Amino acid sequence: MSASRLPEEPIDLQFTDVLREVRWPANKDDLVDAARAAGASNEVLAILDGMPEQDYRDVAAVTALIGSNYGPGLGI
């Protein structure tokens, strides 16, 4: 997928594409860096940047937090 097309995707697909590229475990900075490298939208960057400073063991740990904080539309 071209990074320039990523912001055109629905937000849940952007998260899927970004999190697929992350090396786990990862901290918040790793997630934000991966999103920037993928060309994610400002909305995705802001959500990831607003996450707690901690280590996340896998995709499920991140998506559970995103879904619980930002509503059912982001249940990835």
PDB file of N, CA and C in Angstrom:
ATOM      1  N   MET A   1       0.851  -1.186   0.000  1.00  0.00           N
ATOM      2  CA  MET A   1       0.000   0.000   0.000  1.00  0.00           C
ATOM      3  C   MET A   1       0.884   1.233   0.000  1.00  0.00           C
ATOM      4  N   SER A   2       0.562   2.177  -0.815  1.00  0.00           N
ATOM      5  CA  SER A   2       1.292   3.441  -0.867  1.00  0.00           C
ATOM      6  C   SER A   2       0.957   4.284   0.353  1.00  0.00           C
ATOM      7  N   ALA A   3       1.977   4.817   0.988  1.00  0.00           N
ATOM      8  CA  ALA A   3       1.749   5.645   2.180  1.00  0.00           C
ATOM      9  C   ALA A   3       0.889   6.854   1.858  1.00  0.00           C
ATOM     10  N   SER A   4       0.989   7.362   0.643  1.00  0.00           N
ATOM     11  CA  SER A   4       0.208   8.543   0.287  1.00  0.00           C
ATOM     12  C   SER A   4      -1.293   8.238   0.243  1.00  0.00           C
ATOM     13  N   ARG A   5      -1.681   6.986   0.109  1.00  0.00           N
ATOM     14  CA  ARG A   5      -3.098   6.616   0.068  1.00  0.00           C
ATOM     15  C   ARG A   5      -3.659   6.344   1.453  1.00  0.00           C
ATOM     16  N   LEU A   6      -2.798   6.127   2.458  1.00  0.00           N
ATOM     17  CA  LEU A   6      -3.267   5.733   3.781  1.00  0.00           C
ATOM     18  C   LEU A   6      -4.275   6.710   4.376  1.00  0.00           C
ATOM     19  N   PRO A   7      -4.047   8.028   4.349  1.00  0.00           N
ATOM     20  CA  PRO A   7      -5.044   8.929   4.950  1.00  0.00           C
ATOM     21  C   PRO A   7      -6.410   8.900   4.278  1.00  0.00           C
ATOM     22  N   GLU A   8      -6.499   8.350   3.075  1.00  0.00           N
ATOM     23  CA  GLU A   8      -7.782   8.257   2.389  1.00  0.00           C
ATOM     24  C   GLU A   8      -8.612   7.079   2.888  1.00  0.00           C
ATOM     25  N   GLU A   9      -7.985   6.146   3.598  1.00  0.00           N
ATOM     26  CA  GLU A   9      -8.688   4.974   4.114  1.00  0.00           C
ATOM     27  C   GLU A   9      -9.538   5.344   5.322  1.00  0.00           C
ATOM     28  N   PRO A  10     -10.594   4.572   5.605  1.00  0.00           N
ATOM     29  CA  PRO A  10     -11.316   4.755   6.861  1.00  0.00           C
ATOM     30  C   PRO A  10     -10.344   4.569   8.028  1.00  0.00           C
ATOM     31  N   ILE A  11     -10.634   5.223   9.133  1.00  0.00           N
ATOM     32  CA  ILE A  11      -9.689   5.240  10.244  1.00  0.00           C
ATOM     33  C   ILE A  11      -9.377   3.844  10.779  1.00  0.00           C
ATOM     34  N   ASP A  12     -10.367   2.945  10.817  1.00  0.00           N
ATOM     35  CA  ASP A  12     -10.085   1.613  11.332  1.00  0.00           C
ATOM     36  C   ASP A  12      -9.101   0.869  10.429  1.00  0.00           C
ATOM     37  N   LEU A  13      -9.182   1.081   9.127  1.00  0.00           N
ATOM     38  CA  LEU A  13      -8.228   0.449   8.216  1.00  0.00           C
ATOM     39  C   LEU A  13      -6.844   1.065   8.350  1.00  0.00           C
ATOM     40  N   GLN A  14      -6.779   2.366   8.622  1.00  0.00           N
ATOM     41  CA  GLN A  14      -5.482   2.997   8.861  1.00  0.00           C
ATOM     42  C   GLN A  14      -4.809   2.360  10.066  1.00  0.00           C
ATOM     43  N   PHE A  15      -5.577   2.181  11.154  1.00  0.00           N
ATOM     44  CA  PHE A  15      -4.999   1.545  12.342  1.00  0.00           C
ATOM     45  C   PHE A  15      -4.518   0.142  12.021  1.00  0.00           C
ATOM     46  N   THR A  16      -5.312  -0.606  11.279  1.00  0.00           N
ATOM     47  CA  THR A  16      -4.925  -1.965  10.915  1.00  0.00           C
ATOM     48  C   THR A  16      -3.608  -1.958  10.148  1.00  0.00           C
ATOM     49  N   ASP A  17      -3.486  -1.074   9.173  1.00  0.00           N
ATOM     50  CA  ASP A  17      -2.267  -0.996   8.365  1.00  0.00           C
ATOM     51  C   ASP A  17      -1.061  -0.585   9.210  1.00  0.00           C
ATOM     52  N   VAL A  18      -1.260   0.382  10.091  1.00  0.00           N
ATOM     53  CA  VAL A  18      -0.152   0.858  10.928  1.00  0.00           C
ATOM     54  C   VAL A  18       0.278  -0.226  11.913  1.00  0.00           C
ATOM     55  N   LEU A  19      -0.670  -0.803  12.624  1.00  0.00           N
ATOM     56  CA  LEU A  19      -0.334  -1.766  13.677  1.00  0.00           C
ATOM     57  C   LEU A  19       0.253  -3.054  13.116  1.00  0.00           C
ATOM     58  N   ARG A  20      -0.064  -3.365  11.881  1.00  0.00           N
ATOM     59  CA  ARG A  20       0.508  -4.544  11.234  1.00  0.00           C
ATOM     60  C   ARG A  20       2.036  -4.409  11.092  1.00  0.00           C
ATOM     61  N   GLU A  21       2.526  -3.176  10.995  1.00  0.00           N
ATOM     62  CA  GLU A  21       3.948  -2.925  10.769  1.00  0.00           C
ATOM     63  C   GLU A  21       4.766  -2.764  12.055  1.00  0.00           C
ATOM     64  N   VAL A  22       4.102  -2.719  13.202  1.00  0.00           N
ATOM     65  CA  VAL A  22       4.790  -2.467  14.471  1.00  0.00           C
ATOM     66  C   VAL A  22       5.476  -3.729  14.960  1.00  0.00           C
ATOM     67  N   ARG A  23       6.675  -3.545  15.542  1.00  0.00           N
ATOM     68  CA  ARG A  23       7.383  -4.643  16.199  1.00  0.00           C
ATOM     69  C   ARG A  23       6.978  -4.667  17.657  1.00  0.00           C
ATOM     70  N   TRP A  24       6.458  -5.795  18.102  1.00  0.00           N
ATOM     71  CA  TRP A  24       5.928  -5.914  19.456  1.00  0.00           C
ATOM     72  C   TRP A  24       6.923  -6.579  20.376  1.00  0.00           C
ATOM     73  N   PRO A  25       6.962  -6.209  21.657  1.00  0.00           N
ATOM     74  CA  PRO A  25       6.183  -5.161  22.305  1.00  0.00           C
ATOM     75  C   PRO A  25       6.618  -3.786  21.818  1.00  0.00           C
ATOM     76  N   ALA A  26       5.723  -2.811  21.980  1.00  0.00           N
ATOM     77  CA  ALA A  26       5.986  -1.451  21.516  1.00  0.00           C
ATOM     78  C   ALA A  26       5.458  -0.454  22.531  1.00  0.00           C
ATOM     79  N   ASN A  27       6.124   0.698  22.607  1.00  0.00           N
ATOM     80  CA  ASN A  27       5.607   1.763  23.474  1.00  0.00           C
ATOM     81  C   ASN A  27       4.883   2.791  22.611  1.00  0.00           C
ATOM     82  N   LYS A  28       4.335   3.795  23.268  1.00  0.00           N
ATOM     83  CA  LYS A  28       3.556   4.807  22.549  1.00  0.00           C
ATOM     84  C   LYS A  28       4.384   5.473  21.452  1.00  0.00           C
ATOM     85  N   ASP A  29       5.629   5.805  21.739  1.00  0.00           N
ATOM     86  CA  ASP A  29       6.477   6.457  20.730  1.00  0.00           C
ATOM     87  C   ASP A  29       6.681   5.566  19.512  1.00  0.00           C
ATOM     88  N   ASP A  30       6.835   4.253  19.730  1.00  0.00           N
ATOM     89  CA  ASP A  30       6.975   3.317  18.608  1.00  0.00           C
ATOM     90  C   ASP A  30       5.726   3.339  17.731  1.00  0.00           C
ATOM     91  N   LEU A  31       4.559   3.409  18.378  1.00  0.00           N
ATOM     92  CA  LEU A  31       3.300   3.426  17.625  1.00  0.00           C
ATOM     93  C   LEU A  31       3.164   4.698  16.801  1.00  0.00           C
ATOM     94  N   VAL A  32       3.488   5.828  17.410  1.00  0.00           N
ATOM     95  CA  VAL A  32       3.401   7.110  16.701  1.00  0.00           C
ATOM     96  C   VAL A  32       4.407   7.132  15.550  1.00  0.00           C
ATOM     97  N   ASP A  33       5.622   6.652  15.792  1.00  0.00           N
ATOM     98  CA  ASP A  33       6.637   6.613  14.734  1.00  0.00           C
ATOM     99  C   ASP A  33       6.181   5.737  13.564  1.00  0.00           C
ATOM    100  N   ALA A  34       5.570   4.594  13.862  1.00  0.00           N
ATOM    101  CA  ALA A  34       5.082   3.701  12.806  1.00  0.00           C
ATOM    102  C   ALA A  34       3.968   4.381  12.007  1.00  0.00           C
ATOM    103  N   ALA A  35       3.094   5.089  12.699  1.00  0.00           N
ATOM    104  CA  ALA A  35       2.006   5.787  12.006  1.00  0.00           C
ATOM    105  C   ALA A  35       2.551   6.892  11.106  1.00  0.00           C
ATOM    106  N   ARG A  36       3.520   7.639  11.602  1.00  0.00           N
ATOM    107  CA  ARG A  36       4.134   8.692  10.767  1.00  0.00           C
ATOM    108  C   ARG A  36       4.795   8.087   9.540  1.00  0.00           C
ATOM    109  N   ALA A  37       5.552   7.012   9.751  1.00  0.00           N
ATOM    110  CA  ALA A  37       6.250   6.366   8.634  1.00  0.00           C
ATOM    111  C   ALA A  37       5.272   5.837   7.595  1.00  0.00           C
ATOM    112  N   ALA A  38       4.082   5.415   8.044  1.00  0.00           N
ATOM    113  CA  ALA A  38       3.073   4.878   7.127  1.00  0.00           C
ATOM    114  C   ALA A  38       2.274   5.976   6.439  1.00  0.00           C
ATOM    115  N   GLY A  39       2.420   7.220   6.899  1.00  0.00           N
ATOM    116  CA  GLY A  39       1.666   8.312   6.302  1.00  0.00           C
ATOM    117  C   GLY A  39       0.239   8.383   6.801  1.00  0.00           C
ATOM    118  N   ALA A  40       0.018   7.941   8.044  1.00  0.00           N
ATOM    119  CA  ALA A  40      -1.334   7.939   8.619  1.00  0.00           C
ATOM    120  C   ALA A  40      -1.862   9.367   8.761  1.00  0.00           C
ATOM    121  N   SER A  41      -3.168   9.467   8.873  1.00  0.00           N
ATOM    122  CA  SER A  41      -3.816  10.769   8.997  1.00  0.00           C
ATOM    123  C   SER A  41      -3.481  11.419  10.339  1.00  0.00           C
ATOM    124  N   ASN A  42      -3.703  12.724  10.407  1.00  0.00           N
ATOM    125  CA  ASN A  42      -3.478  13.454  11.657  1.00  0.00           C
ATOM    126  C   ASN A  42      -4.363  12.918  12.772  1.00  0.00           C
ATOM    127  N   GLU A  43      -5.549  12.453  12.433  1.00  0.00           N
ATOM    128  CA  GLU A  43      -6.456  11.898  13.440  1.00  0.00           C
ATOM    129  C   GLU A  43      -5.864  10.641  14.079  1.00  0.00           C
ATOM    130  N   VAL A  44      -5.315   9.757  13.268  1.00  0.00           N
ATOM    131  CA  VAL A  44      -4.685   8.539  13.789  1.00  0.00           C
ATOM    132  C   VAL A  44      -3.476   8.911  14.642  1.00  0.00           C
ATOM    133  N   LEU A  45      -2.660   9.845  14.149  1.00  0.00           N
ATOM    134  CA  LEU A  45      -1.487  10.282  14.921  1.00  0.00           C
ATOM    135  C   LEU A  45      -1.900  10.858  16.269  1.00  0.00           C
ATOM    136  N   ALA A  46      -2.954  11.657  16.287  1.00  0.00           N
ATOM    137  CA  ALA A  46      -3.408  12.272  17.530  1.00  0.00           C
ATOM    138  C   ALA A  46      -3.922  11.219  18.514  1.00  0.00           C
ATOM    139  N   ILE A  47      -4.650  10.243  18.032  1.00  0.00           N
ATOM    140  CA  ILE A  47      -5.159   9.186  18.911  1.00  0.00           C
ATOM    141  C   ILE A  47      -4.008   8.396  19.512  1.00  0.00           C
ATOM    142  N   LEU A  48      -3.055   8.006  18.682  1.00  0.00           N
ATOM    143  CA  LEU A  48      -1.911   7.249  19.196  1.00  0.00           C
ATOM    144  C   LEU A  48      -1.072   8.085  20.152  1.00  0.00           C
ATOM    145  N   ASP A  49      -0.900   9.358  19.832  1.00  0.00           N
ATOM    146  CA  ASP A  49      -0.101  10.235  20.691  1.00  0.00           C
ATOM    147  C   ASP A  49      -0.789  10.469  22.038  1.00  0.00           C
ATOM    148  N   GLY A  50      -2.101  10.330  22.082  1.00  0.00           N
ATOM    149  CA  GLY A  50      -2.839  10.527  23.318  1.00  0.00           C
ATOM    150  C   GLY A  50      -2.915   9.293  24.202  1.00  0.00           C
ATOM    151  N   MET A  51      -2.348   8.195  23.745  1.00  0.00           N
ATOM    152  CA  MET A  51      -2.381   6.968  24.541  1.00  0.00           C
ATOM    153  C   MET A  51      -1.417   7.063  25.725  1.00  0.00           C
ATOM    154  N   PRO A  52      -1.682   6.301  26.780  1.00  0.00           N
ATOM    155  CA  PRO A  52      -0.786   6.315  27.947  1.00  0.00           C
ATOM    156  C   PRO A  52       0.620   5.855  27.594  1.00  0.00           C
ATOM    157  N   GLU A  53       1.595   6.435  28.295  1.00  0.00           N
ATOM    158  CA  GLU A  53       2.998   6.026  28.138  1.00  0.00           C
ATOM    159  C   GLU A  53       3.165   4.677  28.818  1.00  0.00           C
ATOM    160  N   GLN A  54       3.240   3.630  28.034  1.00  0.00           N
ATOM    161  CA  GLN A  54       3.455   2.291  28.575  1.00  0.00           C
ATOM    162  C   GLN A  54       3.867   1.384  27.434  1.00  0.00           C
ATOM    163  N   ASP A  55       4.264   0.176  27.776  1.00  0.00           N
ATOM    164  CA  ASP A  55       4.576  -0.816  26.761  1.00  0.00           C
ATOM    165  C   ASP A  55       3.310  -1.610  26.453  1.00  0.00           C
ATOM    166  N   TYR A  56       3.078  -1.840  25.173  1.00  0.00           N
ATOM    167  CA  TYR A  56       1.934  -2.612  24.711  1.00  0.00           C
ATOM    168  C   TYR A  56       2.456  -3.922  24.155  1.00  0.00           C
ATOM    169  N   ARG A  57       1.878  -5.040  24.609  1.00  0.00           N
ATOM    170  CA  ARG A  57       2.436  -6.347  24.244  1.00  0.00           C
ATOM    171  C   ARG A  57       2.078  -6.787  22.834  1.00  0.00           C
ATOM    172  N   ASP A  58       0.918  -6.302  22.326  1.00  0.00           N
ATOM    173  CA  ASP A  58       0.483  -6.753  21.008  1.00  0.00           C
ATOM    174  C   ASP A  58      -0.618  -5.838  20.467  1.00  0.00           C
ATOM    175  N   VAL A  59      -1.073  -6.157  19.272  1.00  0.00           N
ATOM    176  CA  VAL A  59      -2.119  -5.364  18.621  1.00  0.00           C
ATOM    177  C   VAL A  59      -3.375  -5.309  19.487  1.00  0.00           C
ATOM    178  N   ALA A  60      -3.750  -6.425  20.089  1.00  0.00           N
ATOM    179  CA  ALA A  60      -4.972  -6.481  20.891  1.00  0.00           C
ATOM    180  C   ALA A  60      -4.935  -5.488  22.053  1.00  0.00           C
ATOM    181  N   ALA A  61      -3.768  -5.311  22.668  1.00  0.00           N
ATOM    182  CA  ALA A  61      -3.649  -4.376  23.792  1.00  0.00           C
ATOM    183  C   ALA A  61      -3.917  -2.945  23.338  1.00  0.00           C
ATOM    184  N   VAL A  62      -3.477  -2.609  22.146  1.00  0.00           N
ATOM    185  CA  VAL A  62      -3.687  -1.263  21.609  1.00  0.00           C
ATOM    186  C   VAL A  62      -5.133  -1.082  21.158  1.00  0.00           C
ATOM    187  N   THR A  63      -5.640  -2.031  20.417  1.00  0.00           N
ATOM    188  CA  THR A  63      -6.992  -1.874  19.884  1.00  0.00           C
ATOM    189  C   THR A  63      -8.050  -1.893  20.978  1.00  0.00           C
ATOM    190  N   ALA A  64      -7.823  -2.640  22.039  1.00  0.00           N
ATOM    191  CA  ALA A  64      -8.782  -2.636  23.155  1.00  0.00           C
ATOM    192  C   ALA A  64      -8.843  -1.251  23.783  1.00  0.00           C
ATOM    193  N   LEU A  65      -7.704  -0.612  23.945  1.00  0.00           N
ATOM    194  CA  LEU A  65      -7.662   0.722  24.529  1.00  0.00           C
ATOM    195  C   LEU A  65      -8.267   1.752  23.576  1.00  0.00           C
ATOM    196  N   ILE A  66      -7.934   1.679  22.318  1.00  0.00           N
ATOM    197  CA  ILE A  66      -8.474   2.616  21.342  1.00  0.00           C
ATOM    198  C   ILE A  66      -9.994   2.474  21.270  1.00  0.00           C
ATOM    199  N   GLY A  67     -10.481   1.252  21.189  1.00  0.00           N
ATOM    200  CA  GLY A  67     -11.916   1.017  21.091  1.00  0.00           C
ATOM    201  C   GLY A  67     -12.666   1.490  22.315  1.00  0.00           C
ATOM    202  N   SER A  68     -12.093   1.280  23.504  1.00  0.00           N
ATOM    203  CA  SER A  68     -12.792   1.678  24.727  1.00  0.00           C
ATOM    204  C   SER A  68     -12.779   3.187  24.924  1.00  0.00           C
ATOM    205  N   ASN A  69     -11.764   3.860  24.411  1.00  0.00           N
ATOM    206  CA  ASN A  69     -11.648   5.313  24.598  1.00  0.00           C
ATOM    207  C   ASN A  69     -12.308   6.123  23.499  1.00  0.00           C
ATOM    208  N   TYR A  70     -12.459   5.543  22.311  1.00  0.00           N
ATOM    209  CA  TYR A  70     -12.924   6.332  21.174  1.00  0.00           C
ATOM    210  C   TYR A  70     -14.189   5.803  20.541  1.00  0.00           C
ATOM    211  N   GLY A  71     -14.836   4.857  21.187  1.00  0.00           N
ATOM    212  CA  GLY A  71     -16.139   4.413  20.721  1.00  0.00           C
ATOM    213  C   GLY A  71     -16.098   3.171  19.854  1.00  0.00           C
ATOM    214  N   PRO A  72     -17.263   2.612  19.589  1.00  0.00           N
ATOM    215  CA  PRO A  72     -17.374   1.353  18.879  1.00  0.00           C
ATOM    216  C   PRO A  72     -16.934   1.402  17.427  1.00  0.00           C
ATOM    217  N   GLY A  73     -16.855   2.584  16.839  1.00  0.00           N
ATOM    218  CA  GLY A  73     -16.426   2.701  15.447  1.00  0.00           C
ATOM    219  C   GLY A  73     -14.976   2.332  15.242  1.00  0.00           C
ATOM    220  N   LEU A  74     -14.224   2.241  16.334  1.00  0.00           N
ATOM    221  CA  LEU A  74     -12.816   1.893  16.222  1.00  0.00           C
ATOM    222  C   LEU A  74     -12.518   0.522  16.808  1.00  0.00           C
ATOM    223  N   GLY A  75     -13.500  -0.309  16.899  1.00  0.00           N
ATOM    224  CA  GLY A  75     -13.268  -1.678  17.363  1.00  0.00           C
ATOM    225  C   GLY A  75     -12.599  -2.479  16.270  1.00  0.00           C
ATOM    226  N   ILE A  76     -11.298  -2.370  16.205  1.00  0.00           N
ATOM    227  CA  ILE A  76     -10.527  -2.934  15.092  1.00  0.00           C
ATOM    228  C   ILE A  76     -10.452  -4.445  15.183  1.00  0.00           C
TER     229      ILE A  76
END
